[in-house]
Amino acid sequence: MASGTQGTNGTQRNETRREDSGRPVTNGSAGATATDTGRGTGTGAGTGDIGAGAGTDVSAVTSTDTDADAVAVAKAAAPASGETVRVDSWIWSVRLVKTRSMGATACRGGHVRVNGERVKPAYAVRVGDEVRLRHAERERVVVVKRVIRKRVGATVAAECYVDNSPPPPPREAVAPAGIRDRGTGRPTKRDRRELERLRGLNSPDSGPKTP
């Protein structure tokens, strides 16, 4: 009887242990599965939202950053407080001429006007001045937005003035010059007449040549 009682109690204990051990495993697995599922769903949704938002604002942010960088560089090239900038230096800094000496030469030749008046190279430009420059067979008309003393890139230079220049004149069609093969020697009279005819120097409208 004692043995039977112990066996029964042992069986009950084993069943109790199995039930006890099975319950936390089952609950833990369900909880882990629910947790993992929740995490995966939340992460995926969050990633999608972030990606969509970033894709929408990339172009606007890039454009804003570029403009801000250009303005920052222009401010860095500005003179110190109380200093002035010569007009020949300014038109060189904003890339209206290739060299500063070209700017000074244009001023001395009367090809630079500020607010309608001819100026010398040492004239100090100010914000709001209208600068007219005749250079390289083209007239440039710009209004000063920023005064800078260092030469900057084209993108930054465009932030320093308002360009009111007229469109450049169309390039005239130029007849190609006659090209002779190497080693053919000097052109004969007949060859020169053909060259003049091609260049339009001896057209029928020009009339007969005088002896």
N, C-alpha and C. Protein backbone atom coordinates (compact mmCIF):
# COMPACT_ATOMS: atom_id res chain seq x y z
N MET A 1 0.83 -1.20 0.00
CA MET A 1 0.00 0.00 0.00
C MET A 1 0.86 1.24 0.00
N ALA A 2 1.86 1.19 0.74
CA ALA A 2 2.76 2.36 0.77
C ALA A 2 3.40 2.58 -0.57
N SER A 3 3.77 1.42 -1.17
CA SER A 3 4.40 1.56 -2.50
C SER A 3 3.42 2.11 -3.50
N GLY A 4 2.18 1.63 -3.45
CA GLY A 4 1.18 2.14 -4.39
C GLY A 4 0.90 3.60 -4.20
N THR A 5 0.90 4.00 -2.93
CA THR A 5 0.64 5.42 -2.65
C THR A 5 1.77 6.28 -3.16
N GLN A 6 2.98 5.81 -2.94
CA GLN A 6 4.13 6.57 -3.44
C GLN A 6 4.12 6.65 -4.96
N GLY A 7 3.72 5.48 -5.59
CA GLY A 7 3.68 5.52 -7.06
C GLY A 7 2.64 6.48 -7.58
N THR A 8 1.49 6.45 -6.91
CA THR A 8 0.44 7.38 -7.33
C THR A 8 0.86 8.81 -7.14
N ASN A 9 1.46 9.06 -5.98
CA ASN A 9 1.92 10.43 -5.72
C ASN A 9 3.01 10.85 -6.70
N GLY A 10 3.85 9.87 -7.03
CA GLY A 10 4.92 10.20 -8.01
C GLY A 10 4.37 10.51 -9.36
N THR A 11 3.35 9.73 -9.75
CA THR A 11 2.72 10.00 -11.06
C THR A 11 2.07 11.36 -11.08
N GLN A 12 1.37 11.68 -9.99
CA GLN A 12 0.72 12.98 -9.91
C GLN A 12 1.73 14.11 -9.94
N ARG A 13 2.86 13.91 -9.24
CA ARG A 13 3.89 14.93 -9.24
C ARG A 13 4.46 15.14 -10.64
N ASN A 14 4.68 14.00 -11.33
CA ASN A 14 5.22 14.10 -12.70
C ASN A 14 4.24 14.82 -13.61
N GLU A 15 2.95 14.48 -13.50
CA GLU A 15 1.95 15.17 -14.32
C GLU A 15 1.89 16.65 -14.00
N THR A 16 2.02 16.93 -12.67
CA THR A 16 1.99 18.35 -12.26
C THR A 16 3.18 19.09 -12.83
N ARG A 17 4.33 18.43 -12.78
CA ARG A 17 5.52 19.06 -13.34
C ARG A 17 5.40 19.29 -14.84
N ARG A 18 4.82 18.31 -15.54
CA ARG A 18 4.65 18.46 -16.99
C ARG A 18 3.71 19.62 -17.32
N GLU A 19 2.60 19.64 -16.53
CA GLU A 19 1.66 20.74 -16.77
C GLU A 19 2.29 22.09 -16.45
N ASP A 20 3.04 22.11 -15.31
CA ASP A 20 3.67 23.37 -14.92
C ASP A 20 4.74 23.79 -15.91
N SER A 21 5.50 22.78 -16.35
CA SER A 21 6.57 23.12 -17.31
C SER A 21 6.01 23.47 -18.67
N GLY A 22 4.85 22.92 -19.03
CA GLY A 22 4.28 23.19 -20.34
C GLY A 22 3.63 24.55 -20.44
N ARG A 23 3.05 24.99 -19.34
CA ARG A 23 2.33 26.26 -19.38
C ARG A 23 3.24 27.45 -19.70
N PRO A 24 4.37 27.64 -18.99
CA PRO A 24 5.21 28.81 -19.30
C PRO A 24 5.81 28.75 -20.68
N VAL A 25 6.09 27.51 -21.15
CA VAL A 25 6.68 27.41 -22.50
C VAL A 25 5.68 27.86 -23.53
N THR A 26 4.41 27.39 -23.35
CA THR A 26 3.38 27.76 -24.32
C THR A 26 3.12 29.26 -24.28
N ASN A 27 2.98 29.79 -23.09
CA ASN A 27 2.72 31.22 -22.94
C ASN A 27 3.91 32.04 -23.44
N GLY A 28 5.11 31.57 -23.12
CA GLY A 28 6.30 32.31 -23.57
C GLY A 28 6.41 32.33 -25.08
N SER A 29 6.12 31.22 -25.73
CA SER A 29 6.19 31.16 -27.20
C SER A 29 5.18 32.09 -27.82
N ALA A 30 3.97 32.07 -27.26
CA ALA A 30 2.93 32.95 -27.81
C ALA A 30 3.31 34.40 -27.62
N GLY A 31 3.86 34.70 -26.43
CA GLY A 31 4.25 36.09 -26.18
C GLY A 31 5.38 36.51 -27.07
N ALA A 32 6.35 35.58 -27.25
CA ALA A 32 7.48 35.93 -28.13
C ALA A 32 7.01 36.14 -29.55
N THR A 33 6.11 35.25 -30.01
CA THR A 33 5.60 35.39 -31.38
C THR A 33 4.86 36.70 -31.55
N ALA A 34 4.02 37.04 -30.59
CA ALA A 34 3.28 38.30 -30.68
C ALA A 34 4.22 39.48 -30.64
N THR A 35 5.24 39.36 -29.78
CA THR A 35 6.20 40.48 -29.70
C THR A 35 6.96 40.65 -30.99
N ASP A 36 7.45 39.51 -31.55
CA ASP A 36 8.19 39.58 -32.81
C ASP A 36 7.31 40.12 -33.93
N THR A 37 6.06 39.65 -33.95
CA THR A 37 5.16 40.12 -35.01
C THR A 37 4.92 41.61 -34.87
N GLY A 38 4.72 42.07 -33.67
CA GLY A 38 4.50 43.50 -33.46
C GLY A 38 5.71 44.32 -33.84
N ARG A 39 6.89 43.80 -33.46
CA ARG A 39 8.10 44.53 -33.81
C ARG A 39 8.29 44.59 -35.31
N GLY A 40 8.09 43.46 -35.98
CA GLY A 40 8.29 43.44 -37.43
C GLY A 40 7.33 44.36 -38.15
N THR A 41 6.07 44.34 -37.73
CA THR A 41 5.08 45.21 -38.38
C THR A 41 5.40 46.67 -38.14
N GLY A 42 5.74 47.00 -36.90
CA GLY A 42 6.04 48.38 -36.58
C GLY A 42 7.27 48.88 -37.31
N THR A 43 8.31 48.06 -37.39
CA THR A 43 9.55 48.47 -38.07
C THR A 43 9.33 48.69 -39.55
N GLY A 44 8.59 47.76 -40.16
CA GLY A 44 8.35 47.89 -41.60
C GLY A 44 7.56 49.13 -41.92
N ALA A 45 6.51 49.39 -41.14
CA ALA A 45 5.69 50.58 -41.39
C ALA A 45 6.50 51.83 -41.18
N GLY A 46 7.29 51.84 -40.10
CA GLY A 46 8.09 53.03 -39.82
C GLY A 46 9.10 53.29 -40.91
N THR A 47 9.76 52.21 -41.39
CA THR A 47 10.75 52.37 -42.46
C THR A 47 10.10 52.90 -43.73
N GLY A 48 8.92 52.38 -44.05
CA GLY A 48 8.24 52.85 -45.25
C GLY A 48 7.88 54.31 -45.17
N ASP A 49 7.41 54.74 -43.99
CA ASP A 49 7.04 56.14 -43.82
C ASP A 49 8.26 57.03 -43.94
N ILE A 50 9.37 56.61 -43.34
CA ILE A 50 10.59 57.42 -43.42
C ILE A 50 11.08 57.52 -44.84
N GLY A 51 11.07 56.37 -45.57
CA GLY A 51 11.54 56.39 -46.96
C GLY A 51 10.68 57.29 -47.83
N ALA A 52 9.35 57.22 -47.63
CA ALA A 52 8.47 58.06 -48.44
C ALA A 52 8.71 59.52 -48.17
N GLY A 53 8.87 59.86 -46.89
CA GLY A 53 9.10 61.27 -46.57
C GLY A 53 10.41 61.77 -47.12
N ALA A 54 11.47 60.95 -47.03
CA ALA A 54 12.78 61.39 -47.55
C ALA A 54 12.75 61.56 -49.05
N GLY A 55 12.06 60.64 -49.77
CA GLY A 55 12.02 60.74 -51.22
C GLY A 55 11.27 61.97 -51.69
N THR A 56 10.31 62.42 -50.94
CA THR A 56 9.52 63.57 -51.35
C THR A 56 10.29 64.88 -51.20
N ASP A 57 11.17 64.97 -50.21
CA ASP A 57 11.80 66.25 -49.89
C ASP A 57 13.25 66.35 -50.38
N VAL A 58 13.76 65.36 -51.12
CA VAL A 58 15.18 65.37 -51.51
C VAL A 58 15.49 66.55 -52.43
N SER A 59 14.69 66.76 -53.48
CA SER A 59 14.99 67.83 -54.44
C SER A 59 14.90 69.20 -53.79
N ALA A 60 13.89 69.40 -52.97
CA ALA A 60 13.73 70.71 -52.32
C ALA A 60 14.88 70.98 -51.36
N VAL A 61 15.27 69.96 -50.61
CA VAL A 61 16.37 70.15 -49.65
C VAL A 61 17.67 70.42 -50.39
N THR A 62 17.91 69.71 -51.49
CA THR A 62 19.15 69.91 -52.26
C THR A 62 19.22 71.31 -52.83
N SER A 63 18.10 71.80 -53.42
CA SER A 63 18.08 73.15 -53.97
C SER A 63 18.31 74.20 -52.89
N THR A 64 17.67 74.00 -51.75
CA THR A 64 17.83 74.97 -50.66
C THR A 64 19.25 74.98 -50.14
N ASP A 65 19.84 73.80 -50.03
CA ASP A 65 21.23 73.72 -49.54
C ASP A 65 22.19 74.40 -50.50
N THR A 66 21.96 74.23 -51.82
CA THR A 66 22.84 74.84 -52.81
C THR A 66 22.77 76.36 -52.74
N ASP A 67 21.56 76.90 -52.67
CA ASP A 67 21.40 78.36 -52.56
C ASP A 67 22.03 78.88 -51.26
N ALA A 68 21.83 78.14 -50.19
CA ALA A 68 22.39 78.58 -48.91
C ALA A 68 23.92 78.56 -48.95
N ASP A 69 24.49 77.56 -49.61
CA ASP A 69 25.95 77.50 -49.71
C ASP A 69 26.48 78.66 -50.54
N ALA A 70 25.80 78.99 -51.65
CA ALA A 70 26.25 80.10 -52.49
C ALA A 70 26.19 81.42 -51.74
N VAL A 71 25.13 81.62 -50.97
CA VAL A 71 25.01 82.85 -50.19
C VAL A 71 26.09 82.91 -49.11
N ALA A 72 26.37 81.76 -48.50
CA ALA A 72 27.39 81.73 -47.45
C ALA A 72 28.77 82.06 -48.02
N VAL A 73 29.08 81.54 -49.20
CA VAL A 73 30.38 81.85 -49.82
C VAL A 73 30.46 83.32 -50.20
N ALA A 74 29.36 83.88 -50.71
CA ALA A 74 29.34 85.30 -51.07
C ALA A 74 29.54 86.18 -49.84
N LYS A 75 28.93 85.79 -48.72
CA LYS A 75 29.13 86.56 -47.49
C LYS A 75 30.58 86.48 -47.01
N ALA A 76 31.18 85.31 -47.19
CA ALA A 76 32.57 85.15 -46.76
C ALA A 76 33.53 85.99 -47.61
N ALA A 77 33.15 86.25 -48.87
CA ALA A 77 34.00 87.05 -49.75
C ALA A 77 33.75 88.55 -49.61
N ALA A 78 32.83 88.94 -48.75
CA ALA A 78 32.53 90.36 -48.55
C ALA A 78 33.68 91.06 -47.83
N PRO A 79 33.83 92.35 -48.06
CA PRO A 79 34.91 93.09 -47.37
C PRO A 79 34.62 93.25 -45.89
N ALA A 80 35.64 93.59 -45.14
CA ALA A 80 35.46 93.84 -43.71
C ALA A 80 34.65 95.10 -43.50
N SER A 81 34.17 95.27 -42.31
CA SER A 81 33.34 96.43 -42.00
C SER A 81 34.13 97.72 -42.20
N GLY A 82 33.54 98.64 -42.96
CA GLY A 82 34.19 99.93 -43.23
C GLY A 82 35.04 99.95 -44.47
N GLU A 83 35.33 98.78 -45.06
CA GLU A 83 36.15 98.73 -46.28
C GLU A 83 35.27 98.89 -47.51
N THR A 84 35.85 99.43 -48.57
CA THR A 84 35.16 99.60 -49.84
C THR A 84 35.79 98.69 -50.89
N VAL A 85 35.09 98.50 -51.99
CA VAL A 85 35.56 97.65 -53.08
C VAL A 85 35.59 98.46 -54.36
N ARG A 86 36.72 98.43 -55.05
CA ARG A 86 36.86 99.15 -56.31
C ARG A 86 36.02 98.48 -57.39
N VAL A 87 35.58 99.29 -58.34
CA VAL A 87 34.72 98.76 -59.39
C VAL A 87 35.48 97.79 -60.29
N ASP A 88 36.77 98.05 -60.55
CA ASP A 88 37.52 97.13 -61.39
C ASP A 88 37.71 95.78 -60.69
N SER A 89 37.82 95.80 -59.36
CA SER A 89 37.94 94.56 -58.61
C SER A 89 36.60 93.83 -58.55
N TRP A 90 35.51 94.58 -58.44
CA TRP A 90 34.20 93.94 -58.32
C TRP A 90 33.80 93.23 -59.61
N ILE A 91 33.98 93.89 -60.76
CA ILE A 91 33.58 93.25 -62.01
C ILE A 91 34.45 92.03 -62.32
N TRP A 92 35.68 92.03 -61.78
CA TRP A 92 36.51 90.83 -61.91
C TRP A 92 36.05 89.74 -60.92
N SER A 93 35.67 90.13 -59.72
CA SER A 93 35.25 89.16 -58.70
C SER A 93 33.98 88.42 -59.12
N VAL A 94 33.06 89.11 -59.79
CA VAL A 94 31.81 88.47 -60.21
C VAL A 94 31.89 87.92 -61.62
N ARG A 95 33.13 87.84 -62.16
CA ARG A 95 33.41 87.14 -63.43
C ARG A 95 32.82 87.83 -64.66
N LEU A 96 32.71 89.16 -64.61
CA LEU A 96 32.32 89.88 -65.83
C LEU A 96 33.50 90.08 -66.76
N VAL A 97 34.71 90.07 -66.21
CA VAL A 97 35.95 90.11 -66.99
C VAL A 97 36.86 88.99 -66.47
N LYS A 98 37.81 88.58 -67.31
CA LYS A 98 38.67 87.45 -66.94
C LYS A 98 39.75 87.83 -65.94
N THR A 99 40.30 89.03 -66.06
CA THR A 99 41.37 89.46 -65.16
C THR A 99 41.04 90.84 -64.61
N ARG A 100 41.69 91.18 -63.50
CA ARG A 100 41.47 92.49 -62.91
C ARG A 100 42.07 93.58 -63.79
N SER A 101 43.18 93.28 -64.45
CA SER A 101 43.77 94.28 -65.33
C SER A 101 42.84 94.62 -66.49
N MET A 102 42.08 93.63 -66.97
CA MET A 102 41.09 93.91 -68.01
C MET A 102 40.01 94.86 -67.49
N GLY A 103 39.62 94.67 -66.23
CA GLY A 103 38.64 95.57 -65.65
C GLY A 103 39.15 96.99 -65.53
N ALA A 104 40.42 97.13 -65.11
CA ALA A 104 41.00 98.47 -65.00
C ALA A 104 41.14 99.12 -66.37
N THR A 105 41.54 98.34 -67.39
CA THR A 105 41.66 98.87 -68.75
C THR A 105 40.31 99.32 -69.29
N ALA A 106 39.26 98.54 -69.00
CA ALA A 106 37.92 98.92 -69.46
C ALA A 106 37.46 100.21 -68.80
N CYS A 107 37.80 100.41 -67.53
CA CYS A 107 37.43 101.65 -66.85
C CYS A 107 38.18 102.84 -67.45
N ARG A 108 39.46 102.67 -67.68
CA ARG A 108 40.23 103.78 -68.25
C ARG A 108 39.79 104.11 -69.67
N GLY A 109 39.31 103.12 -70.40
CA GLY A 109 38.84 103.37 -71.77
C GLY A 109 37.43 103.89 -71.84
N GLY A 110 36.77 104.12 -70.71
CA GLY A 110 35.42 104.66 -70.71
C GLY A 110 34.36 103.62 -71.01
N HIS A 111 34.68 102.32 -70.84
CA HIS A 111 33.72 101.26 -71.15
C HIS A 111 32.95 100.79 -69.91
N VAL A 112 33.17 101.42 -68.78
CA VAL A 112 32.45 101.06 -67.55
C VAL A 112 31.72 102.30 -67.05
N ARG A 113 30.42 102.16 -66.82
CA ARG A 113 29.61 103.25 -66.30
C ARG A 113 28.86 102.75 -65.06
N VAL A 114 28.79 103.60 -64.06
CA VAL A 114 28.04 103.30 -62.85
C VAL A 114 26.96 104.36 -62.70
N ASN A 115 25.73 103.93 -62.74
CA ASN A 115 24.57 104.83 -62.67
C ASN A 115 24.64 105.89 -63.78
N GLY A 116 25.11 105.47 -64.95
CA GLY A 116 25.15 106.34 -66.12
C GLY A 116 26.39 107.20 -66.24
N GLU A 117 27.30 107.15 -65.29
CA GLU A 117 28.50 108.00 -65.31
C GLU A 117 29.74 107.14 -65.51
N ARG A 118 30.66 107.66 -66.34
CA ARG A 118 31.93 106.96 -66.49
C ARG A 118 32.73 107.06 -65.20
N VAL A 119 33.37 105.98 -64.84
CA VAL A 119 34.08 105.93 -63.57
C VAL A 119 35.51 105.45 -63.79
N LYS A 120 36.34 105.77 -62.81
CA LYS A 120 37.72 105.31 -62.81
C LYS A 120 37.81 103.96 -62.12
N PRO A 121 38.94 103.26 -62.29
CA PRO A 121 39.05 101.93 -61.67
C PRO A 121 38.88 101.94 -60.15
N ALA A 122 39.24 103.05 -59.48
CA ALA A 122 39.18 103.10 -58.02
C ALA A 122 37.81 103.48 -57.49
N TYR A 123 36.81 103.64 -58.35
CA TYR A 123 35.47 104.01 -57.88
C TYR A 123 34.93 102.90 -56.97
N ALA A 124 34.34 103.29 -55.84
CA ALA A 124 33.81 102.33 -54.87
C ALA A 124 32.35 102.02 -55.20
N VAL A 125 32.08 100.75 -55.46
CA VAL A 125 30.71 100.34 -55.77
C VAL A 125 29.94 100.10 -54.49
N ARG A 126 28.61 100.26 -54.59
CA ARG A 126 27.72 100.05 -53.44
C ARG A 126 26.53 99.22 -53.89
N VAL A 127 25.86 98.63 -52.92
CA VAL A 127 24.66 97.85 -53.22
C VAL A 127 23.61 98.74 -53.84
N GLY A 128 23.02 98.31 -54.95
CA GLY A 128 22.01 99.08 -55.64
C GLY A 128 22.53 99.84 -56.85
N ASP A 129 23.87 99.93 -57.02
CA ASP A 129 24.44 100.61 -58.18
C ASP A 129 24.18 99.80 -59.45
N GLU A 130 23.92 100.53 -60.54
CA GLU A 130 23.79 99.89 -61.84
C GLU A 130 25.13 100.02 -62.58
N VAL A 131 25.70 98.90 -62.92
CA VAL A 131 27.00 98.87 -63.59
C VAL A 131 26.80 98.43 -65.03
N ARG A 132 27.29 99.26 -65.95
CA ARG A 132 27.24 98.93 -67.37
C ARG A 132 28.66 98.72 -67.87
N LEU A 133 28.88 97.60 -68.53
CA LEU A 133 30.21 97.23 -69.01
C LEU A 133 30.12 96.83 -70.47
N ARG A 134 31.01 97.43 -71.26
CA ARG A 134 31.13 97.06 -72.67
C ARG A 134 32.43 96.29 -72.82
N HIS A 135 32.29 94.98 -73.04
CA HIS A 135 33.48 94.13 -73.09
C HIS A 135 33.23 92.94 -74.01
N ALA A 136 34.26 92.61 -74.80
CA ALA A 136 34.20 91.46 -75.70
C ALA A 136 32.99 91.55 -76.64
N GLU A 137 32.77 92.75 -77.19
CA GLU A 137 31.69 92.99 -78.16
C GLU A 137 30.31 92.67 -77.58
N ARG A 138 30.17 92.89 -76.29
CA ARG A 138 28.87 92.68 -75.65
C ARG A 138 28.69 93.67 -74.52
N GLU A 139 27.45 94.11 -74.34
CA GLU A 139 27.13 95.04 -73.26
C GLU A 139 26.49 94.28 -72.11
N ARG A 140 27.04 94.48 -70.91
CA ARG A 140 26.49 93.87 -69.70
C ARG A 140 25.90 94.97 -68.82
N VAL A 141 24.69 94.72 -68.33
CA VAL A 141 24.00 95.66 -67.44
C VAL A 141 23.59 94.86 -66.20
N VAL A 142 24.19 95.20 -65.06
CA VAL A 142 23.91 94.47 -63.83
C VAL A 142 23.67 95.46 -62.69
N VAL A 143 22.89 95.01 -61.72
CA VAL A 143 22.62 95.79 -60.52
C VAL A 143 23.29 95.06 -59.35
N VAL A 144 24.06 95.78 -58.57
CA VAL A 144 24.84 95.19 -57.49
C VAL A 144 23.91 94.74 -56.36
N LYS A 145 23.99 93.45 -56.02
CA LYS A 145 23.27 92.91 -54.86
C LYS A 145 24.18 92.70 -53.66
N ARG A 146 25.40 92.27 -53.94
CA ARG A 146 26.39 92.03 -52.89
C ARG A 146 27.73 92.58 -53.34
N VAL A 147 28.44 93.17 -52.42
CA VAL A 147 29.78 93.70 -52.70
C VAL A 147 30.79 92.68 -52.17
N ILE A 148 31.62 92.15 -53.07
CA ILE A 148 32.62 91.17 -52.68
C ILE A 148 33.98 91.63 -53.19
N ARG A 149 35.03 91.12 -52.55
CA ARG A 149 36.38 91.53 -52.90
C ARG A 149 37.24 90.37 -53.39
N LYS A 150 36.67 89.15 -53.43
CA LYS A 150 37.40 87.97 -53.89
C LYS A 150 36.66 87.35 -55.06
N ARG A 151 37.41 86.79 -56.00
CA ARG A 151 36.81 86.15 -57.16
C ARG A 151 36.17 84.83 -56.71
N VAL A 152 34.95 84.60 -57.17
CA VAL A 152 34.17 83.42 -56.77
C VAL A 152 33.73 82.67 -58.02
N GLY A 153 33.13 81.52 -57.80
CA GLY A 153 32.64 80.71 -58.90
C GLY A 153 31.40 81.32 -59.55
N ALA A 154 31.03 80.74 -60.69
CA ALA A 154 29.91 81.30 -61.45
C ALA A 154 28.60 81.24 -60.67
N THR A 155 28.38 80.15 -59.93
CA THR A 155 27.14 80.02 -59.17
C THR A 155 27.05 81.07 -58.07
N VAL A 156 28.16 81.31 -57.39
CA VAL A 156 28.17 82.32 -56.33
C VAL A 156 28.09 83.71 -56.93
N ALA A 157 28.77 83.93 -58.06
CA ALA A 157 28.75 85.25 -58.69
C ALA A 157 27.34 85.66 -59.08
N ALA A 158 26.52 84.69 -59.51
CA ALA A 158 25.14 85.01 -59.91
C ALA A 158 24.32 85.51 -58.74
N GLU A 159 24.74 85.22 -57.51
CA GLU A 159 24.03 85.70 -56.33
C GLU A 159 24.41 87.13 -55.95
N CYS A 160 25.39 87.70 -56.64
CA CYS A 160 25.91 89.02 -56.27
C CYS A 160 25.36 90.14 -57.12
N TYR A 161 24.58 89.84 -58.16
CA TYR A 161 24.02 90.90 -58.99
C TYR A 161 22.75 90.42 -59.66
N VAL A 162 21.98 91.41 -60.13
CA VAL A 162 20.80 91.15 -60.94
C VAL A 162 21.17 91.45 -62.38
N ASP A 163 21.08 90.47 -63.25
CA ASP A 163 21.53 90.61 -64.63
C ASP A 163 20.39 91.15 -65.50
N ASN A 164 20.54 92.39 -65.96
CA ASN A 164 19.58 93.01 -66.87
C ASN A 164 20.18 93.20 -68.26
N SER A 165 21.17 92.40 -68.59
CA SER A 165 21.88 92.56 -69.87
C SER A 165 20.98 92.16 -71.04
N PRO A 166 21.09 92.88 -72.15
CA PRO A 166 20.37 92.46 -73.35
C PRO A 166 20.97 91.17 -73.90
N PRO A 167 20.22 90.44 -74.69
CA PRO A 167 20.76 89.19 -75.24
C PRO A 167 21.95 89.48 -76.15
N PRO A 168 22.91 88.57 -76.20
CA PRO A 168 24.08 88.80 -77.06
C PRO A 168 23.68 88.83 -78.53
N PRO A 169 24.37 89.61 -79.34
CA PRO A 169 24.03 89.67 -80.76
C PRO A 169 24.34 88.35 -81.43
N PRO A 170 23.58 87.99 -82.47
CA PRO A 170 23.85 86.72 -83.17
C PRO A 170 25.18 86.80 -83.91
N ARG A 171 25.85 85.69 -83.95
CA ARG A 171 27.12 85.64 -84.65
C ARG A 171 26.91 85.69 -86.15
N GLU A 172 27.70 86.53 -86.81
CA GLU A 172 27.58 86.65 -88.26
C GLU A 172 28.24 85.46 -88.94
N ALA A 173 27.58 85.01 -89.99
CA ALA A 173 28.14 83.90 -90.75
C ALA A 173 29.35 84.39 -91.53
N VAL A 174 30.45 83.73 -91.34
CA VAL A 174 31.70 84.11 -92.00
C VAL A 174 32.05 83.03 -93.01
N ALA A 175 32.31 83.46 -94.23
CA ALA A 175 32.68 82.50 -95.26
C ALA A 175 34.03 81.89 -94.94
N PRO A 176 34.18 80.59 -95.08
CA PRO A 176 35.46 79.95 -94.77
C PRO A 176 36.54 80.41 -95.74
N ALA A 177 37.71 80.63 -95.20
CA ALA A 177 38.84 81.03 -96.04
C ALA A 177 39.31 79.85 -96.87
N GLY A 178 39.85 80.16 -98.05
CA GLY A 178 40.35 79.10 -98.91
C GLY A 178 41.54 78.39 -98.29
N ILE A 179 41.50 77.09 -98.30
CA ILE A 179 42.59 76.28 -97.75
C ILE A 179 43.26 75.54 -98.89
N ARG A 180 44.56 75.71 -99.00
CA ARG A 180 45.32 75.06 -100.05
C ARG A 180 46.08 73.88 -99.48
N ASP A 181 46.26 72.89 -100.31
CA ASP A 181 47.02 71.72 -99.89
C ASP A 181 48.48 72.09 -99.68
N ARG A 182 49.06 71.40 -98.75
CA ARG A 182 50.46 71.68 -98.43
C ARG A 182 51.35 71.26 -99.60
N GLY A 183 52.28 72.16 -99.96
CA GLY A 183 53.23 71.87 -101.04
C GLY A 183 52.78 72.34 -102.42
N THR A 184 51.59 73.00 -102.52
CA THR A 184 51.11 73.46 -103.82
C THR A 184 51.70 74.80 -104.22
N GLY A 185 52.41 75.46 -103.31
CA GLY A 185 53.05 76.73 -103.64
C GLY A 185 52.11 77.90 -103.55
N ARG A 186 52.56 79.06 -104.03
CA ARG A 186 51.75 80.27 -103.96
C ARG A 186 50.61 80.18 -104.96
N PRO A 187 49.45 80.81 -104.62
CA PRO A 187 48.32 80.77 -105.55
C PRO A 187 48.60 81.61 -106.81
N THR A 188 48.09 81.14 -107.93
CA THR A 188 48.23 81.86 -109.19
C THR A 188 47.17 82.95 -109.27
N LYS A 189 47.21 83.75 -110.34
CA LYS A 189 46.19 84.79 -110.52
C LYS A 189 44.80 84.17 -110.61
N ARG A 190 44.73 83.06 -111.30
CA ARG A 190 43.43 82.40 -111.42
C ARG A 190 42.94 81.92 -110.05
N ASP A 191 43.86 81.37 -109.26
CA ASP A 191 43.48 80.93 -107.91
C ASP A 191 43.01 82.11 -107.06
N ARG A 192 43.70 83.26 -107.21
CA ARG A 192 43.29 84.42 -106.41
C ARG A 192 41.92 84.92 -106.83
N ARG A 193 41.63 84.88 -108.13
CA ARG A 193 40.30 85.30 -108.58
C ARG A 193 39.21 84.38 -108.02
N GLU A 194 39.53 83.08 -107.97
CA GLU A 194 38.55 82.14 -107.41
C GLU A 194 38.33 82.40 -105.92
N LEU A 195 39.41 82.71 -105.20
CA LEU A 195 39.28 83.01 -103.78
C LEU A 195 38.48 84.28 -103.56
N GLU A 196 38.72 85.31 -104.37
CA GLU A 196 37.96 86.54 -104.24
C GLU A 196 36.49 86.32 -104.56
N ARG A 197 36.23 85.46 -105.52
CA ARG A 197 34.83 85.19 -105.86
C ARG A 197 34.13 84.46 -104.71
N LEU A 198 34.83 83.54 -104.07
CA LEU A 198 34.25 82.82 -102.95
C LEU A 198 33.99 83.74 -101.77
N ARG A 199 34.89 84.70 -101.58
CA ARG A 199 34.73 85.63 -100.46
C ARG A 199 33.76 86.75 -100.75
N GLY A 200 33.28 86.86 -101.99
CA GLY A 200 32.34 87.91 -102.33
C GLY A 200 32.98 89.25 -102.63
N LEU A 201 34.31 89.26 -102.80
CA LEU A 201 34.98 90.52 -103.08
C LEU A 201 34.85 90.93 -104.53
N ASN A 202 34.53 90.00 -105.40
CA ASN A 202 34.42 90.31 -106.81
C ASN A 202 33.06 89.86 -107.33
N SER A 203 32.00 90.27 -106.61
CA SER A 203 30.64 89.91 -106.99
C SER A 203 30.19 90.76 -108.16
N PRO A 204 29.15 90.31 -108.91
CA PRO A 204 28.67 91.12 -110.03
C PRO A 204 28.15 92.47 -109.63
N ASP A 205 27.69 92.64 -108.39
CA ASP A 205 27.15 93.93 -107.98
C ASP A 205 28.23 94.96 -107.73
N SER A 206 29.46 94.50 -107.59
CA SER A 206 30.53 95.45 -107.29
C SER A 206 30.98 96.25 -108.51
N GLY A 207 30.55 95.85 -109.71
CA GLY A 207 30.89 96.60 -110.92
C GLY A 207 32.23 96.18 -111.48
N PRO A 208 32.55 96.63 -112.63
CA PRO A 208 33.82 96.26 -113.27
C PRO A 208 35.01 96.87 -112.54
N LYS A 209 36.10 96.18 -112.59
CA LYS A 209 37.30 96.68 -111.94
C LYS A 209 37.93 97.81 -112.77
N THR A 210 38.52 98.76 -112.12
CA THR A 210 39.20 99.84 -112.81
C THR A 210 40.59 99.39 -113.16
N PRO A 211 41.08 99.74 -114.34
CA PRO A 211 42.44 99.30 -114.73
C PRO A 211 43.48 99.98 -113.86
